[in-house]
């Protein structure tokens, strides 16, 4: 366990550097999840993530000689931003290794703080190996994203804020739900809570991993290290392939439960947070809400704090999630319709949509496909619709007029 004294020292170092991010009741999520939901909005933190807490505390704890040599880090994005921001604050050099597929938004964000970015490897673990070698070769301090007690203590400061803010709201928490990648955040949060067990004996710490990055979840259940060969998830902030021994030990000691969510469940949570809470949250930050929405956590009528760990989502990914969400919720209908290629055919089709008040938002016309019979054409159409019943009415009307079509999901 990281000591409470160490976490409080981190909190003191961070004073004036980080935002005390909002902690607020979420009535719509409360109704949907059958629990009283409170959101800790670290997606609104400076650099867009909780990671600044640990990175700054680590660099602040270095000797002046260590800082002046410069620092190195490996990150999928958020830790990189925290290290780069902290290095700029102390006016020292920083070199950040990031996976080659890191979204441009995160790369540019890191560069904006003056860091040198090196894109290496297909995932975090490969970038990490390159960064370690670079730090050793150039005699630089490596700032680990989670296997470092000063980093973990910095992350633990968010739990001290949650405790104070819940007290201000006169709320007695039953659980805190925390994303897990490498395990630094949940180790810090759990240490802060469990080190005060006499004051908070009943607060459960529940971790959430992505099914596409299951190493820590598998290791927790087996009580021994299990690594994976690859990771694949939209929650790139927690896409960690290998289990860290140090954080696993802390998690086994302090964490009450770990659950797992699928990418489609994470996407649903991101969309709900955008629509209902007006919050932009990245995949890693949304896993706690995903777990509650999809009944992965067996709790009812409890006071639950959910840590939204970051908001640095790639705009392209957000657009894709919104598009798929609109189709899934029957607010958008994508069709390929085969019709006779002659004047007036398209007009007859669009008249049906006009009559049924379906708005055409995109249309394409193909008469050259080798799959078509001579004299036919395919029209690809995207419609704004008003729900499942409205879509069913549209499809029945098209069949009534003899149109052949394929629905695209």
Protein backbone atom coordinates (compact mmCIF):
# COMPACT_ATOMS: atom_id res chain seq x y z
CA UNK A 1 0.00 0.00 0.00
CA UNK A 2 1.17 3.52 -0.82
CA UNK A 3 1.08 5.44 2.47
CA UNK A 4 -1.43 8.21 3.09
CA UNK A 5 1.46 10.50 4.03
CA UNK A 6 3.03 9.98 0.60
CA UNK A 7 -0.27 10.72 -1.16
CA UNK A 8 -0.79 13.87 0.92
CA UNK A 9 2.73 15.06 0.04
CA UNK A 10 1.82 14.57 -3.62
CA UNK A 11 -1.35 16.57 -3.09
CA UNK A 12 0.71 19.43 -1.62
CA UNK A 13 3.12 19.41 -4.58
CA UNK A 14 0.18 19.54 -6.99
CA UNK A 15 -1.43 22.54 -5.32
CA UNK A 16 -1.79 25.31 -7.86
CA UNK A 17 -0.79 23.00 -10.74
CA UNK A 18 -3.86 20.83 -11.28
CA UNK A 19 -7.54 21.68 -11.34
CA UNK A 20 -9.78 20.36 -8.59
CA UNK A 21 -12.05 18.87 -11.21
CA UNK A 22 -15.84 18.82 -10.71
CA UNK A 23 -17.52 16.03 -8.76
CA UNK A 24 -21.22 16.11 -9.45
CA UNK A 25 -24.43 14.15 -9.29
CA UNK A 26 -25.65 12.69 -12.60
CA UNK A 27 -29.48 12.34 -12.42
CA UNK A 28 -29.98 10.78 -15.86
CA UNK A 29 -27.27 8.16 -15.28
CA UNK A 30 -28.69 7.57 -11.81
CA UNK A 31 -32.03 6.65 -13.33
CA UNK A 32 -30.52 4.46 -16.05
CA UNK A 33 -28.07 2.63 -13.76
CA UNK A 34 -30.36 2.18 -10.70
CA UNK A 35 -27.67 3.71 -8.48
CA UNK A 36 -26.87 7.23 -7.35
CA UNK A 37 -24.09 8.15 -9.78
CA UNK A 38 -21.50 10.86 -9.11
CA UNK A 39 -18.98 11.76 -11.80
CA UNK A 40 -15.39 12.77 -11.05
CA UNK A 41 -14.58 14.68 -14.22
CA UNK A 42 -10.86 14.23 -14.77
CA UNK A 43 -11.60 14.59 -18.49
CA UNK A 44 -11.67 18.32 -17.62
CA UNK A 45 -8.22 18.21 -16.01
CA UNK A 46 -5.31 20.23 -17.39
CA UNK A 47 -3.92 18.17 -20.34
CA UNK A 48 -7.30 16.39 -20.44
CA UNK A 49 -6.42 13.54 -18.09
CA UNK A 50 -5.62 12.50 -14.51
CA UNK A 51 -2.14 11.51 -15.69
CA UNK A 52 -0.78 14.98 -14.97
CA UNK A 53 -1.07 14.23 -11.26
CA UNK A 54 1.38 11.34 -11.25
CA UNK A 55 3.76 12.74 -13.85
CA UNK A 56 4.13 16.10 -12.10
CA UNK A 57 4.59 14.51 -8.68
CA UNK A 58 7.32 12.24 -10.00
CA UNK A 59 9.26 15.02 -11.71
CA UNK A 60 8.80 17.33 -8.71
CA UNK A 61 10.33 14.63 -6.48
CA UNK A 62 13.52 14.35 -8.58
CA UNK A 63 16.73 16.05 -7.53
CA UNK A 64 17.73 19.17 -9.44
CA UNK A 65 20.59 17.24 -11.06
CA UNK A 66 18.20 14.48 -12.23
CA UNK A 67 15.75 16.99 -13.64
CA UNK A 68 18.42 18.94 -15.49
CA UNK A 69 19.51 15.81 -17.37
CA UNK A 70 16.00 15.56 -18.80
CA UNK A 71 13.25 12.95 -18.70
CA UNK A 72 11.94 10.21 -20.96
CA UNK A 73 8.50 8.58 -21.03
CA UNK A 74 6.46 6.07 -23.01
CA UNK A 75 2.75 6.58 -23.42
CA UNK A 76 -0.31 6.05 -25.59
CA UNK A 77 -1.05 9.74 -25.04
CA UNK A 78 -2.23 10.93 -21.65
CA UNK A 79 0.89 10.18 -19.60
CA UNK A 80 2.86 11.80 -22.41
CA UNK A 81 0.87 14.99 -22.00
CA UNK A 82 1.41 14.95 -18.26
CA UNK A 83 5.18 14.46 -18.56
CA UNK A 84 5.52 17.08 -21.30
CA UNK A 85 3.50 19.66 -19.34
CA UNK A 86 5.52 18.98 -16.17
CA UNK A 87 8.84 19.14 -18.02
CA UNK A 88 7.86 22.51 -19.48
CA UNK A 89 6.91 23.75 -16.00
CA UNK A 90 10.37 22.85 -14.68
CA UNK A 91 12.04 24.08 -17.89
CA UNK A 92 13.70 20.74 -18.65
CA UNK A 93 13.92 18.56 -21.77
CA UNK A 94 11.49 15.70 -22.33
CA UNK A 95 11.44 12.93 -24.93
CA UNK A 96 8.23 10.95 -25.35
CA UNK A 97 7.92 7.58 -27.10
CA UNK A 98 4.42 6.90 -28.42
CA UNK A 99 2.97 4.01 -30.48
CA UNK A 100 2.94 4.63 -34.22
CA UNK A 101 -0.86 4.55 -34.35
CA UNK A 102 -1.31 7.23 -31.67
CA UNK A 103 -4.05 9.68 -32.77
CA UNK A 104 -2.67 12.91 -34.21
CA UNK A 105 -4.61 14.92 -31.63
CA UNK A 106 -2.58 13.38 -28.81
CA UNK A 107 0.74 13.68 -30.66
CA UNK A 108 0.17 17.36 -31.38
CA UNK A 109 -0.97 17.95 -27.81
CA UNK A 110 2.31 16.56 -26.48
CA UNK A 111 4.39 18.55 -28.97
CA UNK A 112 2.59 21.74 -27.96
CA UNK A 113 4.27 21.50 -24.55
CA UNK A 114 7.70 21.45 -26.17
CA UNK A 115 8.44 17.72 -25.92
CA UNK A 116 10.26 15.73 -28.58
CA UNK A 117 7.99 12.91 -29.79
CA UNK A 118 9.28 9.62 -31.20
CA UNK A 119 6.68 7.30 -32.75
CA UNK A 120 7.86 3.72 -32.17
CA UNK A 121 6.12 0.33 -32.06
CA UNK A 122 2.60 -0.89 -32.68
CA UNK A 123 1.46 -0.59 -29.05
CA UNK A 124 2.43 0.88 -25.69
CA UNK A 125 4.65 -2.04 -24.68
CA UNK A 126 6.82 -1.77 -27.79
CA UNK A 127 7.14 2.00 -27.36
CA UNK A 128 8.07 1.37 -23.72
CA UNK A 129 10.95 -0.93 -24.66
CA UNK A 130 12.36 1.70 -27.02
CA UNK A 131 12.02 4.41 -24.37
CA UNK A 132 13.83 2.37 -21.71
CA UNK A 133 16.79 1.76 -24.03
CA UNK A 134 16.89 5.43 -24.99
CA UNK A 135 16.88 6.54 -21.34
CA UNK A 136 19.69 4.13 -20.45
CA UNK A 137 21.80 5.12 -23.46
CA UNK A 138 21.49 8.85 -22.76
CA UNK A 139 21.53 8.66 -18.93
CA UNK A 140 18.07 10.21 -18.59
CA UNK A 141 15.38 9.66 -15.96
CA UNK A 142 12.57 7.44 -17.16
CA UNK A 143 9.15 8.48 -15.85
CA UNK A 144 7.10 5.30 -15.73
CA UNK A 145 3.35 5.71 -16.28
CA UNK A 146 2.39 3.37 -13.43
CA UNK A 147 5.24 1.31 -11.92
CA UNK A 148 6.51 4.11 -9.68
CA UNK A 149 5.37 4.95 -6.16
CA UNK A 150 5.62 8.71 -6.72
CA UNK A 151 3.45 8.42 -9.83
CA UNK A 152 0.95 6.23 -7.98
CA UNK A 153 0.88 8.69 -5.06
CA UNK A 154 0.13 11.52 -7.46
CA UNK A 155 -2.78 9.56 -8.94
CA UNK A 156 -4.01 8.87 -5.42
CA UNK A 157 -4.58 12.59 -4.91
CA UNK A 158 -7.76 12.29 -6.99
CA UNK A 159 -9.23 10.01 -4.30
CA UNK A 160 -8.55 12.61 -1.59
CA UNK A 161 -10.48 15.12 -3.70
CA UNK A 162 -13.36 12.67 -4.16
CA UNK A 163 -13.57 12.11 -0.40
CA UNK A 164 -13.64 15.84 0.35
CA UNK A 165 -16.09 16.63 -2.44
CA UNK A 166 -18.48 13.84 -1.47
CA UNK A 167 -18.33 15.14 2.12
CA UNK A 168 -19.21 18.63 0.85
CA UNK A 169 -22.26 17.12 -0.86
CA UNK A 170 -23.12 15.16 2.29
CA UNK A 171 -22.82 11.91 0.35
CA UNK A 172 -21.59 8.69 1.93
CA UNK A 173 -19.98 6.72 -0.89
CA UNK A 174 -20.41 2.97 -1.26
CA UNK A 175 -18.02 2.46 -4.19
CA UNK A 176 -15.54 4.16 -6.50
CA UNK A 177 -15.31 2.78 -10.04
CA UNK A 178 -11.90 3.20 -11.67
CA UNK A 179 -10.48 2.34 -15.14
CA UNK A 180 -7.51 -0.06 -15.23
CA UNK A 181 -4.72 -0.13 -17.78
CA UNK A 182 -1.34 -0.52 -16.13
CA UNK A 183 -2.92 -0.12 -12.72
CA UNK A 184 -1.33 3.09 -11.43
CA UNK A 185 -4.57 5.03 -11.04
CA UNK A 186 -6.50 2.35 -9.20
CA UNK A 187 -3.47 1.57 -7.01
CA UNK A 188 -3.32 5.21 -5.92
CA UNK A 189 -7.08 5.54 -5.43
CA UNK A 190 -7.29 2.25 -3.49
CA UNK A 191 -4.30 3.19 -1.31
CA UNK A 192 -5.86 6.54 -0.41
CA UNK A 193 -9.15 4.89 0.57
CA UNK A 194 -7.91 1.73 2.27
CA UNK A 195 -5.25 3.59 4.29
CA UNK A 196 -8.19 5.36 5.97
CA UNK A 197 -10.23 2.24 6.58
CA UNK A 198 -11.23 3.38 10.04
CA UNK A 199 -12.94 6.42 8.46
CA UNK A 200 -14.18 4.74 5.27
CA UNK A 201 -14.62 1.04 6.04
CA UNK A 202 -17.34 0.36 3.49
CA UNK A 203 -16.13 2.03 0.29
CA UNK A 204 -15.48 -0.62 -2.35
CA UNK A 205 -12.88 -0.07 -5.04
CA UNK A 206 -14.03 -1.58 -8.34
CA UNK A 207 -11.75 -1.68 -11.37
CA UNK A 208 -12.82 -1.88 -15.02
CA UNK A 209 -10.72 -3.25 -17.88
CA UNK A 210 -11.40 -3.54 -21.58
CA UNK A 211 -12.02 -7.02 -22.97
CA UNK A 212 -9.51 -6.15 -25.68
CA UNK A 213 -6.77 -5.59 -23.07
CA UNK A 214 -7.47 -8.26 -20.47
CA UNK A 215 -4.03 -8.84 -18.90
CA UNK A 216 -4.70 -7.21 -15.52
CA UNK A 217 -8.16 -8.72 -15.18
CA UNK A 218 -6.85 -12.21 -15.93
CA UNK A 219 -3.91 -11.72 -13.57
CA UNK A 220 -6.19 -10.47 -10.79
CA UNK A 221 -8.42 -13.52 -11.06
CA UNK A 222 -5.46 -15.93 -11.28
CA UNK A 223 -3.53 -14.05 -8.55
CA UNK A 224 -0.43 -14.28 -10.72
CA UNK A 225 0.98 -12.53 -13.76
CA UNK A 226 -0.71 -13.33 -17.07
CA UNK A 227 0.42 -11.37 -20.11
CA UNK A 228 -1.29 -11.19 -23.49
CA UNK A 229 0.17 -11.40 -26.98
CA UNK A 230 -1.72 -8.39 -28.31
CA UNK A 231 -4.31 -5.76 -27.45
CA UNK A 232 -7.17 -4.36 -29.50
CA UNK A 233 -9.60 -1.84 -28.05
CA UNK A 234 -11.04 1.61 -28.67
CA UNK A 235 -9.93 2.43 -25.12
CA UNK A 236 -6.35 3.18 -26.17
CA UNK A 237 -5.52 4.76 -22.81
CA UNK A 238 -5.79 1.37 -21.09
CA UNK A 239 -4.48 -0.79 -23.96
CA UNK A 240 -1.68 -2.42 -21.96
CA UNK A 241 -0.42 -5.83 -23.08
CA UNK A 242 1.61 -6.96 -20.06
CA UNK A 243 0.78 -7.05 -16.35
CA UNK A 244 3.04 -5.02 -14.08
CA UNK A 245 4.12 -7.00 -10.96
CA UNK A 246 4.15 -3.99 -8.63
CA UNK A 247 0.70 -2.68 -9.45
CA UNK A 248 -0.70 -6.23 -9.51
CA UNK A 249 0.50 -6.71 -5.93
CA UNK A 250 -1.20 -3.47 -4.88
CA UNK A 251 -4.39 -4.35 -6.74
CA UNK A 252 -4.53 -7.84 -5.19
CA UNK A 253 -4.09 -6.25 -1.78
CA UNK A 254 -6.52 -3.35 -2.11
CA UNK A 255 -9.06 -3.74 -4.93
CA UNK A 256 -12.38 -5.41 -4.18
CA UNK A 257 -13.44 -6.38 -7.70
CA UNK A 258 -12.49 -6.11 -11.37
CA UNK A 259 -15.02 -6.31 -14.21
CA UNK A 260 -14.59 -6.23 -17.97
CA UNK A 261 -16.41 -4.39 -20.77
CA UNK A 262 -16.57 -4.84 -24.54
CA UNK A 263 -15.75 -2.14 -27.10
CA UNK A 264 -19.39 -1.82 -28.16
CA UNK A 265 -20.32 -1.21 -24.52
CA UNK A 266 -17.60 1.44 -24.21
CA UNK A 267 -18.90 3.11 -27.38
CA UNK A 268 -22.43 3.19 -25.94
CA UNK A 269 -21.10 4.85 -22.80
CA UNK A 270 -19.16 7.48 -24.78
CA UNK A 271 -22.27 8.35 -26.79
CA UNK A 272 -24.48 8.53 -23.71
CA UNK A 273 -22.01 10.84 -21.95
CA UNK A 274 -21.93 13.13 -25.01
CA UNK A 275 -25.73 13.21 -25.39
CA UNK A 276 -26.97 13.14 -21.81
CA UNK A 277 -24.10 14.64 -19.79
CA UNK A 278 -22.61 16.94 -22.47
CA UNK A 279 -19.20 15.46 -21.68
CA UNK A 280 -16.54 14.36 -24.17
CA UNK A 281 -14.83 11.33 -22.65
CA UNK A 282 -12.29 8.99 -24.24
CA UNK A 283 -12.70 5.22 -24.30
CA UNK A 284 -10.58 4.56 -21.22
CA UNK A 285 -12.48 7.23 -19.31
CA UNK A 286 -15.87 5.78 -20.19
CA UNK A 287 -15.32 2.16 -19.08
CA UNK A 288 -16.78 2.78 -15.61
CA UNK A 289 -20.04 4.08 -17.08
CA UNK A 290 -20.02 1.17 -19.56
CA UNK A 291 -19.77 -1.30 -16.69
CA UNK A 292 -22.73 0.25 -14.88
CA UNK A 293 -24.88 0.65 -18.01
CA UNK A 294 -24.40 -2.99 -18.95
CA UNK A 295 -24.94 -4.40 -15.44
CA UNK A 296 -21.38 -5.64 -14.93
CA UNK A 297 -21.39 -4.30 -11.37
CA UNK A 298 -23.87 -5.97 -9.04
CA UNK A 299 -25.02 -3.01 -6.97
CA UNK A 300 -28.42 -1.37 -6.56
CA UNK A 301 -29.43 1.93 -4.92
CA UNK A 302 -25.87 2.71 -3.83
CA UNK A 303 -23.83 5.92 -3.96
CA UNK A 304 -21.20 5.31 -6.63
CA UNK A 305 -18.41 7.62 -7.75
CA UNK A 306 -17.26 7.00 -11.32
CA UNK A 307 -13.87 8.30 -12.35
CA UNK A 308 -13.93 9.72 -15.89
CA UNK A 309 -10.17 9.48 -16.30
CA UNK A 310 -9.66 11.43 -19.53
CA UNK A 311 -11.22 13.26 -22.45
CA UNK A 312 -8.58 13.04 -25.16
CA UNK A 313 -10.56 11.13 -27.76
CA UNK A 314 -9.61 11.28 -31.42
CA UNK A 315 -12.24 13.25 -33.35
CA UNK A 316 -12.37 10.58 -36.07
CA UNK A 317 -13.13 7.90 -33.48
CA UNK A 318 -15.79 10.08 -31.86
CA UNK A 319 -17.43 10.62 -35.24
CA UNK A 320 -17.50 6.87 -35.90
CA UNK A 321 -19.00 6.17 -32.48
CA UNK A 322 -21.72 8.77 -33.03
CA UNK A 323 -22.51 7.36 -36.49
CA UNK A 324 -22.82 3.79 -35.23
CA UNK A 325 -24.81 4.98 -32.23
CA UNK A 326 -27.34 6.78 -34.42
CA UNK A 327 -27.86 3.62 -36.50
CA UNK A 328 -28.15 1.40 -33.44
CA UNK A 329 -30.70 3.70 -31.80
CA UNK A 330 -32.81 3.78 -35.00
CA UNK A 331 -32.21 7.49 -35.61
CA UNK A 332 -30.41 6.81 -38.87
CA UNK A 333 -31.25 4.29 -41.61
CA UNK A 334 -28.71 3.34 -44.28
CA UNK A 335 -30.13 1.59 -47.36
CA UNK A 336 -28.97 0.37 -50.75
CA UNK A 337 -32.00 0.37 -53.05
CA UNK A 338 -32.10 -1.24 -56.51
CA UNK A 339 -34.28 0.57 -59.03
CA UNK A 340 -34.78 0.82 -62.80
CA UNK A 341 -32.29 3.25 -64.32
CA UNK A 342 -34.67 5.61 -66.12
CA UNK A 343 -35.86 9.19 -65.66
CA UNK A 344 -38.21 9.62 -62.72
CA UNK A 345 -37.24 6.41 -60.84
CA UNK A 346 -35.28 8.25 -58.17
CA UNK A 347 -38.04 10.85 -57.79
CA UNK A 348 -40.61 8.12 -57.12
CA UNK A 349 -38.38 6.70 -54.39
CA UNK A 350 -37.72 10.04 -52.71
CA UNK A 351 -41.44 10.83 -52.80
CA UNK A 352 -41.94 7.91 -50.39
CA UNK A 353 -39.42 9.41 -47.98
CA UNK A 354 -41.02 12.85 -48.29
CA UNK A 355 -44.48 11.44 -47.56
CA UNK A 356 -43.17 9.63 -44.46
CA UNK A 357 -41.09 12.62 -43.25
CA UNK A 358 -37.71 10.87 -43.46
CA UNK A 359 -34.93 13.37 -44.16
CA UNK A 360 -32.28 12.35 -46.73
CA UNK A 361 -28.82 13.29 -45.41
CA UNK A 362 -26.69 11.47 -47.98
CA UNK A 363 -27.29 9.87 -51.37
CA UNK A 364 -25.18 8.08 -54.00
CA UNK A 365 -26.05 6.64 -57.43
CA UNK A 366 -24.28 3.64 -59.04
CA UNK A 367 -25.22 2.24 -62.45
CA UNK A 368 -21.82 0.62 -63.23
CA UNK A 369 -21.54 -2.20 -60.69
CA UNK A 370 -20.93 -5.61 -62.29
CA UNK A 371 -23.40 -7.06 -59.79
CA UNK A 372 -26.28 -5.14 -61.39
CA UNK A 373 -28.51 -6.35 -64.20
CA UNK A 374 -28.52 -4.22 -67.35
CA UNK A 375 -30.89 -1.31 -66.89
CA UNK A 376 -30.72 -1.28 -63.08
CA UNK A 377 -28.99 1.09 -60.66
CA UNK A 378 -28.14 1.03 -56.97
CA UNK A 379 -28.94 4.06 -54.84
CA UNK A 380 -27.23 4.31 -51.46
CA UNK A 381 -29.28 6.49 -49.10
CA UNK A 382 -28.87 7.65 -45.50
CA UNK A 383 -32.05 8.80 -43.79
CA UNK A 384 -32.69 10.61 -40.53
CA UNK A 385 -35.52 8.74 -38.84
CA UNK A 386 -37.63 8.95 -35.69
CA UNK A 387 -37.15 5.51 -34.19
CA UNK A 388 -37.70 1.82 -34.80
CA UNK A 389 -41.40 2.09 -35.70
CA UNK A 390 -40.72 4.90 -38.18
CA UNK A 391 -38.04 2.82 -39.89
CA UNK A 392 -40.35 -0.17 -40.10
CA UNK A 393 -43.05 1.96 -41.74
CA UNK A 394 -40.52 3.22 -44.33
CA UNK A 395 -39.38 -0.29 -45.21
CA UNK A 396 -42.96 -1.60 -45.48
CA UNK A 397 -43.88 1.27 -47.80
CA UNK A 398 -40.88 0.56 -50.04
CA UNK A 399 -41.80 -3.13 -50.27
CA UNK A 400 -45.35 -2.13 -51.10
CA UNK A 401 -44.05 -0.27 -54.19
CA UNK A 402 -41.82 -3.18 -55.19
CA UNK A 403 -38.42 -1.78 -54.26
CA UNK A 404 -35.60 -4.20 -53.45
CA UNK A 405 -33.21 -2.95 -50.78
CA UNK A 406 -30.45 -3.95 -48.36
CA UNK A 407 -30.16 -2.36 -44.94
CA UNK A 408 -26.63 -1.46 -43.90
CA UNK A 409 -25.67 -1.41 -40.24
